[in-house]
Structure formats: C-alpha cells, structure tokens
C-alpha cells in the first residue's frame, strides 16, 4: 500500500494565512475601539477632576488613546503626543482608513 501526501502550493497557503491574519487584526482593532468608546466617560471625568486613571487590559491599544503630530523646530523634527479624551464615531472611521 502506497502512502500519498498532498502537497499544496506554499504561495497559496501564505496568501490564505495573510488574509486570515488581516481578518483577526481587523476584528481585534474593532474590539479595541469598542473598549475605547466605553472608557470615554471615565477619561473625561478624570481629566475634569484632575484624578489619575489606570487603564489595563488586552484590548487597550495606545493608538486609540494617543494622537501625535510631527513638526520641525529649529531644523529638528519634533513629535508631540496628545491624549485623546474622547473618541467619536468620525475618529473611529478615520482610524479605520489609516489602518488599511
């Protein structure tokens, strides 16, 4: 009795895996944005009251909480970070556009 092995095309497997990876990443980012929207009230209250807040968990994506801008001062590029206190629906859709 002969043993046969099915050999698949590696490039096809890589394309399928890449597609699956993108789907998983996209779903994870979506869940991160939902968690971020749930934190809006707590963040704005802490900023208003001047109290500290620790946000922890596997669905905390710093890109949802920080915004940065790059500009040149005295011939040197400077990056400024700003904490986004509230993420709106338009912020979410623009974040989606920048990820793709």
Protein backbone atom coordinates (compact mmCIF):
# COMPACT_ATOMS: atom_id res chain seq x y z
CA UNK A 1 0.00 0.00 0.00
CA UNK A 2 1.43 3.38 -1.03
CA UNK A 3 1.34 6.43 1.19
CA UNK A 4 0.47 9.61 -0.65
CA UNK A 5 0.95 13.11 0.63
CA UNK A 6 -0.98 16.09 -0.57
CA UNK A 7 1.37 18.93 -1.28
CA UNK A 8 -0.16 22.35 -1.54
CA UNK A 9 1.24 25.44 -3.18
CA UNK A 10 3.11 27.42 -0.47
CA UNK A 11 2.27 30.78 -2.05
CA UNK A 12 -1.46 29.97 -1.84
CA UNK A 13 -1.09 28.95 1.81
CA UNK A 14 0.72 32.21 2.59
CA UNK A 15 -1.98 34.28 0.86
CA UNK A 16 -4.72 32.48 2.79
CA UNK A 17 -2.83 32.90 6.08
CA UNK A 18 -2.24 36.59 5.35
CA UNK A 19 -5.97 37.05 4.71
CA UNK A 20 -6.83 35.29 7.97
CA UNK A 21 -4.24 37.37 9.85
CA UNK A 22 -5.73 40.60 8.46
CA UNK A 23 -9.23 39.50 9.50
CA UNK A 24 -8.05 38.72 13.04
CA UNK A 25 -6.19 42.03 13.33
CA UNK A 26 -9.16 43.95 11.96
CA UNK A 27 -11.53 42.31 14.47
CA UNK A 28 -9.09 42.95 17.33
CA UNK A 29 -8.81 46.65 16.37
CA UNK A 30 -12.60 46.86 16.24
CA UNK A 31 -12.86 45.41 19.75
CA UNK A 32 -10.19 47.86 20.96
CA UNK A 33 -12.25 50.77 19.59
CA UNK A 34 -15.37 49.48 21.38
CA UNK A 35 -13.44 49.30 24.66
CA UNK A 36 -12.10 52.81 23.99
CA UNK A 37 -15.61 54.17 23.46
CA UNK A 38 -16.63 52.59 26.77
CA UNK A 39 -13.81 54.48 28.51
CA UNK A 40 -14.86 57.94 27.24
CA UNK A 41 -16.79 58.88 30.38
CA UNK A 42 -14.09 57.69 32.79
CA UNK A 43 -11.37 59.52 30.89
CA UNK A 44 -13.25 62.81 30.65
CA UNK A 45 -14.22 62.64 34.34
CA UNK A 46 -10.62 62.02 35.41
CA UNK A 47 -9.33 64.88 33.29
CA UNK A 48 -12.03 67.19 34.61
CA UNK A 49 -11.45 66.21 38.25
CA UNK A 50 -7.66 66.01 37.87
CA UNK A 51 -7.51 62.47 39.19
CA UNK A 52 -5.34 59.59 37.96
CA UNK A 53 -6.71 56.68 36.00
CA UNK A 54 -5.07 53.36 35.21
CA UNK A 55 -6.38 51.57 32.15
CA UNK A 56 -5.23 47.98 31.80
CA UNK A 57 -6.18 45.01 29.68
CA UNK A 58 -5.50 43.11 26.50
CA UNK A 59 -7.80 45.34 24.42
CA UNK A 60 -6.06 48.61 25.26
CA UNK A 61 -4.48 49.90 22.08
CA UNK A 62 -2.40 53.05 22.65
CA UNK A 63 -3.28 54.26 19.14
CA UNK A 64 -6.86 54.70 20.35
CA UNK A 65 -5.77 56.93 23.24
CA UNK A 66 -2.86 58.92 21.82
CA UNK A 67 -2.60 61.27 18.91
CA UNK A 68 0.70 62.56 17.65
CA UNK A 69 1.86 65.30 15.38
CA UNK A 70 5.27 65.83 13.88
CA UNK A 71 6.69 69.26 13.13
CA UNK A 72 10.05 70.91 12.67
CA UNK A 73 11.55 73.30 15.23
CA UNK A 74 14.99 74.81 14.66
CA UNK A 75 15.76 72.26 11.93
CA UNK A 76 14.90 69.31 14.18
CA UNK A 77 11.84 67.12 13.80
CA UNK A 78 9.78 67.03 17.00
CA UNK A 79 6.96 64.64 17.77
CA UNK A 80 4.25 65.76 20.17
CA UNK A 81 1.87 63.31 21.81
CA UNK A 82 -1.57 64.32 22.98
CA UNK A 83 -4.03 62.18 24.91
CA UNK A 84 -7.36 61.94 23.13
CA UNK A 85 -10.02 62.39 25.78
CA UNK A 86 -12.97 61.32 23.68
CA UNK A 87 -13.19 59.23 20.55
CA UNK A 88 -16.14 59.97 18.33
CA UNK A 89 -17.60 57.92 15.51
CA UNK A 90 -15.74 60.05 12.93
CA UNK A 91 -12.46 59.39 14.78
CA UNK A 92 -13.19 55.69 14.56
CA UNK A 93 -13.84 55.79 10.82
CA UNK A 94 -10.71 57.87 10.17
CA UNK A 95 -8.68 55.43 12.27
CA UNK A 96 -10.02 52.62 10.12
CA UNK A 97 -8.91 54.44 6.99
CA UNK A 98 -5.38 54.91 8.30
CA UNK A 99 -5.03 51.24 9.26
CA UNK A 100 -5.83 49.93 5.78
